[in-house]
Amino acid sequence: MTGTRDKAGDAMATAKDKAGDMADTAKDKAGEVAAAAKDTASAAKDKAGELAATAKDKAGEMAVAAKDTAAAATDKAGEVADAAATEAKKRPILVMAAVGTIVALVVRRLLKRKR
């Protein structure tokens, strides 16, 4: 019986050693996984910061482009209005005829509504 007890004690000691080794290995692996997760999170945070900065820059560029386009359109509209005014001054009879036509159409429409 003493031999069996010794073998059982040896088996128990071996099992304890293996369990300790496995616990140490698991602890090391957990540390590695945690470090990798931390690195991944840090990289994701950096990438998000870069994307936010890029988006902000692009939005600024688009705002400037829209402002420039609006300014160009305003300038063009001013030029067209000036050209139309100049043309109207050159041909006052044409302008009067156009205004007369519009007034006639409005009056005609109002008379049709009354019927």
N, C-alpha and C. Protein backbone atom coordinates (compact mmCIF):
# COMPACT_ATOMS: atom_id res chain seq x y z
N MET A 1 0.80 -1.18 0.00
CA MET A 1 0.00 0.00 0.00
C MET A 1 0.85 1.25 0.00
N THR A 2 1.99 1.11 0.59
CA THR A 2 2.87 2.26 0.65
C THR A 2 3.32 2.64 -0.75
N GLY A 3 3.55 1.68 -1.58
CA GLY A 3 3.96 1.95 -2.96
C GLY A 3 2.87 2.67 -3.73
N THR A 4 1.63 2.28 -3.48
CA THR A 4 0.52 2.92 -4.16
C THR A 4 0.38 4.36 -3.69
N ARG A 5 0.60 4.54 -2.36
CA ARG A 5 0.52 5.91 -1.84
C ARG A 5 1.62 6.78 -2.44
N ASP A 6 2.77 6.23 -2.56
CA ASP A 6 3.88 6.99 -3.14
C ASP A 6 3.59 7.36 -4.60
N LYS A 7 3.07 6.38 -5.34
CA LYS A 7 2.73 6.64 -6.74
C LYS A 7 1.62 7.69 -6.84
N ALA A 8 0.64 7.60 -5.96
CA ALA A 8 -0.45 8.58 -5.96
C ALA A 8 0.09 9.96 -5.61
N GLY A 9 1.01 10.01 -4.65
CA GLY A 9 1.62 11.30 -4.27
C GLY A 9 2.42 11.88 -5.42
N ASP A 10 3.19 10.97 -6.09
CA ASP A 10 3.97 11.44 -7.25
C ASP A 10 3.04 11.95 -8.36
N ALA A 11 1.97 11.21 -8.60
CA ALA A 11 1.02 11.61 -9.64
C ALA A 11 0.39 12.95 -9.28
N MET A 12 0.10 13.10 -8.00
CA MET A 12 -0.51 14.35 -7.55
C MET A 12 0.47 15.51 -7.71
N ALA A 13 1.73 15.29 -7.39
CA ALA A 13 2.75 16.33 -7.53
C ALA A 13 2.95 16.68 -9.00
N THR A 14 2.97 15.66 -9.83
CA THR A 14 3.11 15.89 -11.27
C THR A 14 1.92 16.68 -11.80
N ALA A 15 0.71 16.32 -11.36
CA ALA A 15 -0.50 17.03 -11.79
C ALA A 15 -0.45 18.47 -11.34
N LYS A 16 0.03 18.71 -10.11
CA LYS A 16 0.12 20.08 -9.61
C LYS A 16 1.13 20.88 -10.43
N ASP A 17 2.26 20.26 -10.77
CA ASP A 17 3.27 20.94 -11.57
C ASP A 17 2.71 21.29 -12.96
N LYS A 18 2.02 20.33 -13.58
CA LYS A 18 1.45 20.57 -14.90
C LYS A 18 0.38 21.66 -14.83
N ALA A 19 -0.42 21.61 -13.77
CA ALA A 19 -1.47 22.63 -13.61
C ALA A 19 -0.83 24.00 -13.44
N GLY A 20 0.25 24.06 -12.67
CA GLY A 20 0.96 25.34 -12.49
C GLY A 20 1.55 25.84 -13.79
N ASP A 21 2.16 24.89 -14.56
CA ASP A 21 2.73 25.27 -15.85
C ASP A 21 1.64 25.78 -16.80
N MET A 22 0.50 25.09 -16.82
CA MET A 22 -0.61 25.48 -17.69
C MET A 22 -1.17 26.84 -17.25
N ALA A 23 -1.23 27.07 -15.96
CA ALA A 23 -1.71 28.37 -15.47
C ALA A 23 -0.75 29.48 -15.87
N ASP A 24 0.56 29.21 -15.76
CA ASP A 24 1.54 30.22 -16.18
C ASP A 24 1.44 30.49 -17.68
N THR A 25 1.28 29.43 -18.48
CA THR A 25 1.15 29.58 -19.92
C THR A 25 -0.11 30.37 -20.26
N ALA A 26 -1.20 30.04 -19.58
CA ALA A 26 -2.46 30.76 -19.82
C ALA A 26 -2.31 32.22 -19.44
N LYS A 27 -1.61 32.48 -18.35
CA LYS A 27 -1.40 33.86 -17.89
C LYS A 27 -0.57 34.62 -18.92
N ASP A 28 0.49 33.97 -19.43
CA ASP A 28 1.33 34.61 -20.46
C ASP A 28 0.52 34.90 -21.73
N LYS A 29 -0.27 33.91 -22.15
CA LYS A 29 -1.09 34.09 -23.36
C LYS A 29 -2.10 35.21 -23.15
N ALA A 30 -2.70 35.27 -21.97
CA ALA A 30 -3.67 36.33 -21.67
C ALA A 30 -2.99 37.70 -21.74
N GLY A 31 -1.78 37.77 -21.23
CA GLY A 31 -1.03 39.03 -21.31
C GLY A 31 -0.74 39.42 -22.74
N GLU A 32 -0.35 38.44 -23.56
CA GLU A 32 -0.08 38.70 -24.98
C GLU A 32 -1.35 39.18 -25.70
N VAL A 33 -2.46 38.50 -25.42
CA VAL A 33 -3.72 38.87 -26.05
C VAL A 33 -4.13 40.28 -25.62
N ALA A 34 -3.96 40.58 -24.34
CA ALA A 34 -4.30 41.91 -23.84
C ALA A 34 -3.43 42.98 -24.50
N ALA A 35 -2.15 42.68 -24.64
CA ALA A 35 -1.24 43.63 -25.29
C ALA A 35 -1.62 43.83 -26.76
N ALA A 36 -1.95 42.74 -27.43
CA ALA A 36 -2.36 42.83 -28.83
C ALA A 36 -3.66 43.62 -28.96
N ALA A 37 -4.60 43.40 -28.05
CA ALA A 37 -5.86 44.13 -28.07
C ALA A 37 -5.61 45.62 -27.82
N LYS A 38 -4.71 45.92 -26.91
CA LYS A 38 -4.38 47.31 -26.61
C LYS A 38 -3.76 47.98 -27.84
N ASP A 39 -2.85 47.26 -28.51
CA ASP A 39 -2.23 47.80 -29.72
C ASP A 39 -3.27 48.02 -30.82
N THR A 40 -4.17 47.06 -30.97
CA THR A 40 -5.22 47.18 -31.98
C THR A 40 -6.13 48.36 -31.67
N ALA A 41 -6.50 48.50 -30.40
CA ALA A 41 -7.36 49.62 -30.01
C ALA A 41 -6.64 50.95 -30.24
N SER A 42 -5.37 50.99 -29.94
CA SER A 42 -4.59 52.21 -30.15
C SER A 42 -4.51 52.55 -31.64
N ALA A 43 -4.27 51.52 -32.44
CA ALA A 43 -4.20 51.73 -33.89
C ALA A 43 -5.55 52.20 -34.43
N ALA A 44 -6.63 51.61 -33.93
CA ALA A 44 -7.97 52.02 -34.37
C ALA A 44 -8.25 53.46 -33.96
N LYS A 45 -7.83 53.83 -32.77
CA LYS A 45 -8.02 55.20 -32.30
C LYS A 45 -7.23 56.17 -33.18
N ASP A 46 -5.99 55.81 -33.51
CA ASP A 46 -5.18 56.66 -34.38
C ASP A 46 -5.82 56.79 -35.75
N LYS A 47 -6.30 55.68 -36.29
CA LYS A 47 -6.92 55.69 -37.62
C LYS A 47 -8.18 56.55 -37.60
N ALA A 48 -8.97 56.43 -36.53
CA ALA A 48 -10.18 57.24 -36.42
C ALA A 48 -9.83 58.73 -36.37
N GLY A 49 -8.77 59.04 -35.66
CA GLY A 49 -8.32 60.44 -35.61
C GLY A 49 -7.90 60.94 -36.97
N GLU A 50 -7.18 60.11 -37.70
CA GLU A 50 -6.75 60.48 -39.05
C GLU A 50 -7.96 60.68 -39.97
N LEU A 51 -8.92 59.76 -39.88
CA LEU A 51 -10.12 59.87 -40.71
C LEU A 51 -10.91 61.13 -40.37
N ALA A 52 -11.02 61.44 -39.09
CA ALA A 52 -11.74 62.65 -38.69
C ALA A 52 -11.04 63.89 -39.22
N ALA A 53 -9.72 63.90 -39.14
CA ALA A 53 -8.97 65.05 -39.65
C ALA A 53 -9.13 65.18 -41.17
N THR A 54 -9.07 64.05 -41.85
CA THR A 54 -9.24 64.07 -43.31
C THR A 54 -10.64 64.56 -43.68
N ALA A 55 -11.65 64.07 -42.96
CA ALA A 55 -13.02 64.50 -43.23
C ALA A 55 -13.18 65.99 -42.98
N LYS A 56 -12.57 66.48 -41.92
CA LYS A 56 -12.64 67.90 -41.61
C LYS A 56 -11.97 68.73 -42.71
N ASP A 57 -10.81 68.27 -43.17
CA ASP A 57 -10.11 68.97 -44.25
C ASP A 57 -10.95 68.98 -45.53
N LYS A 58 -11.51 67.82 -45.88
CA LYS A 58 -12.32 67.72 -47.10
C LYS A 58 -13.55 68.63 -47.00
N ALA A 59 -14.18 68.65 -45.81
CA ALA A 59 -15.36 69.51 -45.63
C ALA A 59 -14.96 70.97 -45.80
N GLY A 60 -13.81 71.34 -45.28
CA GLY A 60 -13.34 72.71 -45.45
C GLY A 60 -13.08 73.04 -46.91
N GLU A 61 -12.46 72.10 -47.62
CA GLU A 61 -12.20 72.30 -49.04
C GLU A 61 -13.50 72.44 -49.83
N MET A 62 -14.48 71.59 -49.48
CA MET A 62 -15.77 71.65 -50.18
C MET A 62 -16.49 72.96 -49.88
N ALA A 63 -16.38 73.45 -48.64
CA ALA A 63 -17.01 74.72 -48.29
C ALA A 63 -16.38 75.86 -49.08
N VAL A 64 -15.07 75.84 -49.20
CA VAL A 64 -14.38 76.88 -49.97
C VAL A 64 -14.79 76.81 -51.44
N ALA A 65 -14.85 75.59 -51.98
CA ALA A 65 -15.24 75.42 -53.37
C ALA A 65 -16.67 75.90 -53.60
N ALA A 66 -17.57 75.58 -52.67
CA ALA A 66 -18.96 76.02 -52.79
C ALA A 66 -19.05 77.54 -52.72
N LYS A 67 -18.27 78.11 -51.83
CA LYS A 67 -18.26 79.58 -51.70
C LYS A 67 -17.75 80.22 -52.99
N ASP A 68 -16.68 79.66 -53.54
CA ASP A 68 -16.13 80.18 -54.80
C ASP A 68 -17.14 80.06 -55.94
N THR A 69 -17.82 78.91 -56.00
CA THR A 69 -18.82 78.69 -57.04
C THR A 69 -19.98 79.67 -56.88
N ALA A 70 -20.41 79.89 -55.64
CA ALA A 70 -21.50 80.84 -55.41
C ALA A 70 -21.07 82.25 -55.80
N ALA A 71 -19.84 82.61 -55.48
CA ALA A 71 -19.34 83.94 -55.85
C ALA A 71 -19.28 84.08 -57.37
N ALA A 72 -18.83 83.04 -58.05
CA ALA A 72 -18.76 83.08 -59.52
C ALA A 72 -20.16 83.20 -60.11
N ALA A 73 -21.12 82.45 -59.54
CA ALA A 73 -22.49 82.52 -60.04
C ALA A 73 -23.08 83.90 -59.81
N THR A 74 -22.78 84.50 -58.66
CA THR A 74 -23.27 85.85 -58.38
C THR A 74 -22.68 86.85 -59.36
N ASP A 75 -21.39 86.71 -59.60
CA ASP A 75 -20.75 87.60 -60.57
C ASP A 75 -21.36 87.45 -61.95
N LYS A 76 -21.59 86.20 -62.35
CA LYS A 76 -22.17 85.94 -63.67
C LYS A 76 -23.58 86.50 -63.76
N ALA A 77 -24.36 86.33 -62.67
CA ALA A 77 -25.72 86.87 -62.67
C ALA A 77 -25.69 88.39 -62.77
N GLY A 78 -24.73 89.01 -62.09
CA GLY A 78 -24.59 90.46 -62.18
C GLY A 78 -24.25 90.90 -63.59
N GLU A 79 -23.38 90.15 -64.24
CA GLU A 79 -23.00 90.47 -65.62
C GLU A 79 -24.20 90.34 -66.56
N VAL A 80 -24.97 89.26 -66.36
CA VAL A 80 -26.15 89.05 -67.22
C VAL A 80 -27.17 90.16 -66.97
N ALA A 81 -27.36 90.54 -65.71
CA ALA A 81 -28.31 91.62 -65.40
C ALA A 81 -27.84 92.94 -66.02
N ASP A 82 -26.55 93.19 -65.92
CA ASP A 82 -26.01 94.41 -66.53
C ASP A 82 -26.21 94.39 -68.04
N ALA A 83 -25.95 93.25 -68.65
CA ALA A 83 -26.12 93.12 -70.10
C ALA A 83 -27.59 93.33 -70.48
N ALA A 84 -28.50 92.76 -69.68
CA ALA A 84 -29.92 92.91 -69.97
C ALA A 84 -30.35 94.36 -69.81
N ALA A 85 -29.82 95.04 -68.79
CA ALA A 85 -30.16 96.45 -68.59
C ALA A 85 -29.62 97.30 -69.73
N THR A 86 -28.40 96.99 -70.15
CA THR A 86 -27.81 97.72 -71.27
C THR A 86 -28.62 97.51 -72.55
N GLU A 87 -29.01 96.28 -72.77
CA GLU A 87 -29.81 95.95 -73.96
C GLU A 87 -31.16 96.64 -73.89
N ALA A 88 -31.74 96.71 -72.70
CA ALA A 88 -33.04 97.37 -72.54
C ALA A 88 -32.93 98.86 -72.81
N LYS A 89 -31.80 99.46 -72.42
CA LYS A 89 -31.60 100.88 -72.69
C LYS A 89 -31.45 101.14 -74.19
N LYS A 90 -30.84 100.19 -74.88
CA LYS A 90 -30.64 100.33 -76.32
C LYS A 90 -31.95 100.21 -77.07
N ARG A 91 -32.83 99.35 -76.56
CA ARG A 91 -34.09 99.06 -77.27
C ARG A 91 -35.28 99.24 -76.32
N PRO A 92 -35.63 100.48 -76.00
CA PRO A 92 -36.74 100.69 -75.06
C PRO A 92 -38.09 100.24 -75.62
N ILE A 93 -38.22 100.27 -76.93
CA ILE A 93 -39.49 99.86 -77.53
C ILE A 93 -39.70 98.36 -77.33
N LEU A 94 -38.65 97.59 -77.46
CA LEU A 94 -38.75 96.15 -77.25
C LEU A 94 -39.16 95.85 -75.81
N VAL A 95 -38.57 96.56 -74.85
CA VAL A 95 -38.91 96.37 -73.44
C VAL A 95 -40.37 96.74 -73.21
N MET A 96 -40.81 97.86 -73.79
CA MET A 96 -42.20 98.29 -73.61
C MET A 96 -43.15 97.28 -74.23
N ALA A 97 -42.79 96.71 -75.35
CA ALA A 97 -43.63 95.70 -75.99
C ALA A 97 -43.72 94.45 -75.12
N ALA A 98 -42.60 94.05 -74.54
CA ALA A 98 -42.60 92.87 -73.66
C ALA A 98 -43.46 93.12 -72.43
N VAL A 99 -43.32 94.29 -71.82
CA VAL A 99 -44.12 94.62 -70.64
C VAL A 99 -45.60 94.68 -71.03
N GLY A 100 -45.90 95.26 -72.17
CA GLY A 100 -47.29 95.32 -72.64
C GLY A 100 -47.88 93.94 -72.85
N THR A 101 -47.10 93.05 -73.41
CA THR A 101 -47.56 91.67 -73.64
C THR A 101 -47.85 90.98 -72.32
N ILE A 102 -46.98 91.15 -71.38
CA ILE A 102 -47.18 90.52 -70.06
C ILE A 102 -48.42 91.08 -69.39
N VAL A 103 -48.61 92.41 -69.45
CA VAL A 103 -49.80 93.02 -68.84
C VAL A 103 -51.06 92.51 -69.54
N ALA A 104 -51.02 92.40 -70.86
CA ALA A 104 -52.19 91.90 -71.60
C ALA A 104 -52.52 90.47 -71.19
N LEU A 105 -51.52 89.63 -71.03
CA LEU A 105 -51.75 88.23 -70.62
C LEU A 105 -52.34 88.17 -69.21
N VAL A 106 -51.86 89.01 -68.31
CA VAL A 106 -52.37 89.01 -66.94
C VAL A 106 -53.82 89.48 -66.92
N VAL A 107 -54.11 90.54 -67.65
CA VAL A 107 -55.47 91.06 -67.70
C VAL A 107 -56.40 90.02 -68.30
N ARG A 108 -55.98 89.39 -69.37
CA ARG A 108 -56.81 88.35 -70.02
C ARG A 108 -57.11 87.21 -69.05
N ARG A 109 -56.11 86.82 -68.31
CA ARG A 109 -56.29 85.72 -67.34
C ARG A 109 -57.26 86.12 -66.24
N LEU A 110 -57.13 87.36 -65.77
CA LEU A 110 -58.04 87.83 -64.73
C LEU A 110 -59.49 87.88 -65.25
N LEU A 111 -59.67 88.31 -66.49
CA LEU A 111 -61.00 88.35 -67.05
C LEU A 111 -61.59 86.96 -67.22
N LYS A 112 -60.76 85.98 -67.57
CA LYS A 112 -61.24 84.60 -67.72
C LYS A 112 -61.65 84.03 -66.36
N ARG A 113 -60.98 84.41 -65.31
CA ARG A 113 -61.33 83.91 -63.97
C ARG A 113 -62.69 84.44 -63.51
N LYS A 114 -63.01 85.65 -63.91
CA LYS A 114 -64.27 86.24 -63.47
C LYS A 114 -65.48 85.54 -64.12
N ARG A 115 -65.28 84.96 -65.26
CA ARG A 115 -66.39 84.30 -65.97
C ARG A 115 -66.77 83.08 -65.31
